[in-house]
Amino acid sequence: MLVMQPLLRRLTEIVIHWHRLLDLACNPYRPELHYMRGRGPKWRAKHQGSAI
């Protein structure tokens, strides 16, 4: 069993790295969808008469 411990430890590390890689590849968060795209309707209503 002592001979198997380094092999099992290495396999465990490989599995952990594989799961991390899959998490990064399949991450559904896309920050570009949440960025503000400009001034909204409240700002336009407030500044209706002034020049932009």
PDB file of N, CA and C in Angstrom:
ATOM      1  N   MET A   1       0.824  -1.206   0.000  1.00  0.00           N
ATOM      2  CA  MET A   1       0.000   0.000   0.000  1.00  0.00           C
ATOM      3  C   MET A   1       0.863   1.264   0.000  1.00  0.00           C
ATOM      4  N   LEU A   2       2.043   1.179   0.578  1.00  0.00           N
ATOM      5  CA  LEU A   2       2.923   2.346   0.604  1.00  0.00           C
ATOM      6  C   LEU A   2       3.362   2.756  -0.795  1.00  0.00           C
ATOM      7  N   VAL A   3       3.461   1.783  -1.690  1.00  0.00           N
ATOM      8  CA  VAL A   3       3.858   2.086  -3.058  1.00  0.00           C
ATOM      9  C   VAL A   3       2.728   2.813  -3.794  1.00  0.00           C
ATOM     10  N   MET A   4       1.484   2.532  -3.444  1.00  0.00           N
ATOM     11  CA  MET A   4       0.329   3.114  -4.118  1.00  0.00           C
ATOM     12  C   MET A   4       0.047   4.551  -3.691  1.00  0.00           C
ATOM     13  N   GLN A   5       0.521   4.967  -2.530  1.00  0.00           N
ATOM     14  CA  GLN A   5       0.193   6.311  -2.019  1.00  0.00           C
ATOM     15  C   GLN A   5       0.640   7.445  -2.937  1.00  0.00           C
ATOM     16  N   PRO A   6       1.879   7.438  -3.441  1.00  0.00           N
ATOM     17  CA  PRO A   6       2.256   8.532  -4.353  1.00  0.00           C
ATOM     18  C   PRO A   6       1.415   8.539  -5.633  1.00  0.00           C
ATOM     19  N   LEU A   7       1.083   7.366  -6.136  1.00  0.00           N
ATOM     20  CA  LEU A   7       0.263   7.284  -7.332  1.00  0.00           C
ATOM     21  C   LEU A   7      -1.140   7.821  -7.078  1.00  0.00           C
ATOM     22  N   LEU A   8      -1.724   7.444  -5.963  1.00  0.00           N
ATOM     23  CA  LEU A   8      -3.057   7.945  -5.620  1.00  0.00           C
ATOM     24  C   LEU A   8      -3.048   9.446  -5.391  1.00  0.00           C
ATOM     25  N   ARG A   9      -2.003   9.933  -4.766  1.00  0.00           N
ATOM     26  CA  ARG A   9      -1.893  11.376  -4.526  1.00  0.00           C
ATOM     27  C   ARG A   9      -1.801  12.122  -5.856  1.00  0.00           C
ATOM     28  N   ARG A  10      -1.016  11.578  -6.786  1.00  0.00           N
ATOM     29  CA  ARG A  10      -0.867  12.217  -8.094  1.00  0.00           C
ATOM     30  C   ARG A  10      -2.181  12.175  -8.878  1.00  0.00           C
ATOM     31  N   LEU A  11      -2.870  11.061  -8.822  1.00  0.00           N
ATOM     32  CA  LEU A  11      -4.158  10.960  -9.499  1.00  0.00           C
ATOM     33  C   LEU A  11      -5.170  11.939  -8.908  1.00  0.00           C
ATOM     34  N   THR A  12      -5.135  12.096  -7.614  1.00  0.00           N
ATOM     35  CA  THR A  12      -6.029  13.048  -6.953  1.00  0.00           C
ATOM     36  C   THR A  12      -5.736  14.470  -7.424  1.00  0.00           C
ATOM     37  N   GLU A  13      -4.465  14.815  -7.543  1.00  0.00           N
ATOM     38  CA  GLU A  13      -4.080  16.143  -8.027  1.00  0.00           C
ATOM     39  C   GLU A  13      -4.546  16.351  -9.464  1.00  0.00           C
ATOM     40  N   ILE A  14      -4.416  15.332 -10.289  1.00  0.00           N
ATOM     41  CA  ILE A  14      -4.847  15.439 -11.681  1.00  0.00           C
ATOM     42  C   ILE A  14      -6.349  15.657 -11.752  1.00  0.00           C
ATOM     43  N   VAL A  15      -7.109  14.932 -10.941  1.00  0.00           N
ATOM     44  CA  VAL A  15      -8.561  15.084 -10.933  1.00  0.00           C
ATOM     45  C   VAL A  15      -8.954  16.485 -10.472  1.00  0.00           C
ATOM     46  N   ILE A  16      -8.284  16.989  -9.450  1.00  0.00           N
ATOM     47  CA  ILE A  16      -8.575  18.335  -8.945  1.00  0.00           C
ATOM     48  C   ILE A  16      -8.296  19.378 -10.028  1.00  0.00           C
ATOM     49  N   HIS A  17      -7.168  19.267 -10.713  1.00  0.00           N
ATOM     50  CA  HIS A  17      -6.844  20.223 -11.775  1.00  0.00           C
ATOM     51  C   HIS A  17      -7.823  20.110 -12.938  1.00  0.00           C
ATOM     52  N   TRP A  18      -8.238  18.915 -13.261  1.00  0.00           N
ATOM     53  CA  TRP A  18      -9.199  18.709 -14.341  1.00  0.00           C
ATOM     54  C   TRP A  18     -10.536  19.384 -14.011  1.00  0.00           C
ATOM     55  N   HIS A  19     -10.981  19.234 -12.770  1.00  0.00           N
ATOM     56  CA  HIS A  19     -12.238  19.876 -12.362  1.00  0.00           C
ATOM     57  C   HIS A  19     -12.118  21.401 -12.405  1.00  0.00           C
ATOM     58  N   ARG A  20     -10.990  21.929 -12.002  1.00  0.00           N
ATOM     59  CA  ARG A  20     -10.791  23.386 -12.074  1.00  0.00           C
ATOM     60  C   ARG A  20     -10.822  23.875 -13.512  1.00  0.00           C
ATOM     61  N   LEU A  21     -10.194  23.109 -14.408  1.00  0.00           N
ATOM     62  CA  LEU A  21     -10.190  23.482 -15.818  1.00  0.00           C
ATOM     63  C   LEU A  21     -11.607  23.462 -16.387  1.00  0.00           C
ATOM     64  N   LEU A  22     -12.369  22.446 -16.047  1.00  0.00           N
ATOM     65  CA  LEU A  22     -13.750  22.377 -16.513  1.00  0.00           C
ATOM     66  C   LEU A  22     -14.588  23.519 -15.952  1.00  0.00           C
ATOM     67  N   ASP A  23     -14.377  23.879 -14.692  1.00  0.00           N
ATOM     68  CA  ASP A  23     -15.104  25.010 -14.104  1.00  0.00           C
ATOM     69  C   ASP A  23     -14.802  26.308 -14.846  1.00  0.00           C
ATOM     70  N   LEU A  24     -13.542  26.514 -15.200  1.00  0.00           N
ATOM     71  CA  LEU A  24     -13.181  27.726 -15.933  1.00  0.00           C
ATOM     72  C   LEU A  24     -13.775  27.726 -17.337  1.00  0.00           C
ATOM     73  N   ALA A  25     -13.781  26.578 -17.981  1.00  0.00           N
ATOM     74  CA  ALA A  25     -14.267  26.488 -19.354  1.00  0.00           C
ATOM     75  C   ALA A  25     -15.783  26.624 -19.422  1.00  0.00           C
ATOM     76  N   CYS A  26     -16.484  26.201 -18.401  1.00  0.00           N
ATOM     77  CA  CYS A  26     -17.951  26.180 -18.421  1.00  0.00           C
ATOM     78  C   CYS A  26     -18.569  27.262 -17.549  1.00  0.00           C
ATOM     79  N   ASN A  27     -17.824  28.267 -17.208  1.00  0.00           N
ATOM     80  CA  ASN A  27     -18.311  29.326 -16.343  1.00  0.00           C
ATOM     81  C   ASN A  27     -19.382  30.139 -17.072  1.00  0.00           C
ATOM     82  N   PRO A  28     -20.614  30.174 -16.555  1.00  0.00           N
ATOM     83  CA  PRO A  28     -21.683  30.889 -17.253  1.00  0.00           C
ATOM     84  C   PRO A  28     -21.642  32.404 -17.064  1.00  0.00           C
ATOM     85  N   TYR A  29     -20.819  32.912 -16.158  1.00  0.00           N
ATOM     86  CA  TYR A  29     -20.778  34.352 -15.897  1.00  0.00           C
ATOM     87  C   TYR A  29     -20.078  35.070 -17.049  1.00  0.00           C
ATOM     88  N   ARG A  30     -20.774  36.008 -17.652  1.00  0.00           N
ATOM     89  CA  ARG A  30     -20.206  36.802 -18.738  1.00  0.00           C
ATOM     90  C   ARG A  30     -20.341  38.268 -18.358  1.00  0.00           C
ATOM     91  N   PRO A  31     -19.282  38.877 -17.820  1.00  0.00           N
ATOM     92  CA  PRO A  31     -19.390  40.241 -17.307  1.00  0.00           C
ATOM     93  C   PRO A  31     -19.747  41.269 -18.369  1.00  0.00           C
ATOM     94  N   GLU A  32     -19.424  41.025 -19.631  1.00  0.00           N
ATOM     95  CA  GLU A  32     -19.744  42.014 -20.659  1.00  0.00           C
ATOM     96  C   GLU A  32     -21.249  42.197 -20.815  1.00  0.00           C
ATOM     97  N   LEU A  33     -22.048  41.239 -20.343  1.00  0.00           N
ATOM     98  CA  LEU A  33     -23.499  41.378 -20.411  1.00  0.00           C
ATOM     99  C   LEU A  33     -24.046  42.286 -19.319  1.00  0.00           C
ATOM    100  N   HIS A  34     -23.234  42.601 -18.314  1.00  0.00           N
ATOM    101  CA  HIS A  34     -23.703  43.376 -17.170  1.00  0.00           C
ATOM    102  C   HIS A  34     -23.155  44.805 -17.144  1.00  0.00           C
ATOM    103  N   TYR A  35     -22.319  45.157 -18.095  1.00  0.00           N
ATOM    104  CA  TYR A  35     -21.773  46.501 -18.103  1.00  0.00           C
ATOM    105  C   TYR A  35     -22.850  47.502 -18.499  1.00  0.00           C
ATOM    106  N   MET A  36     -22.746  48.702 -17.946  1.00  0.00           N
ATOM    107  CA  MET A  36     -23.688  49.759 -18.330  1.00  0.00           C
ATOM    108  C   MET A  36     -23.397  50.177 -19.764  1.00  0.00           C
ATOM    109  N   ARG A  37     -24.443  50.467 -20.489  1.00  0.00           N
ATOM    110  CA  ARG A  37     -24.302  50.800 -21.902  1.00  0.00           C
ATOM    111  C   ARG A  37     -24.548  52.280 -22.184  1.00  0.00           C
ATOM    112  N   GLY A  38     -24.700  53.074 -21.182  1.00  0.00           N
ATOM    113  CA  GLY A  38     -24.911  54.494 -21.402  1.00  0.00           C
ATOM    114  C   GLY A  38     -25.919  55.050 -20.420  1.00  0.00           C
ATOM    115  N   ARG A  39     -26.329  56.256 -20.672  1.00  0.00           N
ATOM    116  CA  ARG A  39     -27.266  56.918 -19.770  1.00  0.00           C
ATOM    117  C   ARG A  39     -28.662  56.362 -19.969  1.00  0.00           C
ATOM    118  N   GLY A  40     -29.385  56.236 -18.879  1.00  0.00           N
ATOM    119  CA  GLY A  40     -30.708  55.628 -18.920  1.00  0.00           C
ATOM    120  C   GLY A  40     -31.836  56.634 -19.073  1.00  0.00           C
ATOM    121  N   PRO A  41     -33.071  56.165 -19.011  1.00  0.00           N
ATOM    122  CA  PRO A  41     -34.235  57.033 -19.218  1.00  0.00           C
ATOM    123  C   PRO A  41     -34.410  58.092 -18.129  1.00  0.00           C
ATOM    124  N   LYS A  42     -34.008  57.793 -16.896  1.00  0.00           N
ATOM    125  CA  LYS A  42     -34.132  58.807 -15.837  1.00  0.00           C
ATOM    126  C   LYS A  42     -33.198  59.987 -16.109  1.00  0.00           C
ATOM    127  N   TRP A  43     -31.985  59.691 -16.559  1.00  0.00           N
ATOM    128  CA  TRP A  43     -31.041  60.767 -16.863  1.00  0.00           C
ATOM    129  C   TRP A  43     -31.573  61.605 -18.021  1.00  0.00           C
ATOM    130  N   ARG A  44     -32.111  60.945 -19.053  1.00  0.00           N
ATOM    131  CA  ARG A  44     -32.636  61.675 -20.213  1.00  0.00           C
ATOM    132  C   ARG A  44     -33.814  62.557 -19.833  1.00  0.00           C
ATOM    133  N   ALA A  45     -34.681  62.055 -18.949  1.00  0.00           N
ATOM    134  CA  ALA A  45     -35.829  62.855 -18.522  1.00  0.00           C
ATOM    135  C   ALA A  45     -35.366  64.066 -17.720  1.00  0.00           C
ATOM    136  N   LYS A  46     -34.355  63.903 -16.910  1.00  0.00           N
ATOM    137  CA  LYS A  46     -33.838  65.005 -16.091  1.00  0.00           C
ATOM    138  C   LYS A  46     -33.132  66.047 -16.942  1.00  0.00           C
ATOM    139  N   HIS A  47     -32.407  65.646 -17.961  1.00  0.00           N
ATOM    140  CA  HIS A  47     -31.608  66.533 -18.784  1.00  0.00           C
ATOM    141  C   HIS A  47     -32.226  66.751 -20.172  1.00  0.00           C
ATOM    142  N   GLN A  48     -33.508  66.720 -20.246  1.00  0.00           N
ATOM    143  CA  GLN A  48     -34.205  66.794 -21.524  1.00  0.00           C
ATOM    144  C   GLN A  48     -33.912  68.083 -22.281  1.00  0.00           C
ATOM    145  N   GLY A  49     -33.891  69.186 -21.592  1.00  0.00           N
ATOM    146  CA  GLY A  49     -33.730  70.468 -22.280  1.00  0.00           C
ATOM    147  C   GLY A  49     -32.284  70.886 -22.473  1.00  0.00           C
ATOM    148  N   SER A  50     -31.347  70.293 -21.764  1.00  0.00           N
ATOM    149  CA  SER A  50     -29.963  70.721 -21.851  1.00  0.00           C
ATOM    150  C   SER A  50     -29.237  69.960 -22.975  1.00  0.00           C
ATOM    151  N   ALA A  51     -28.146  70.573 -23.448  1.00  0.00           N
ATOM    152  CA  ALA A  51     -27.351  69.943 -24.503  1.00  0.00           C
ATOM    153  C   ALA A  51     -26.485  68.836 -23.900  1.00  0.00           C
ATOM    154  N   ILE A  52     -26.275  67.827 -24.673  1.00  0.00           N
ATOM    155  CA  ILE A  52     -25.472  66.670 -24.198  1.00  0.00           C
ATOM    156  C   ILE A  52     -24.019  66.912 -24.443  1.00  0.00           C
TER     157      ILE A  52
END
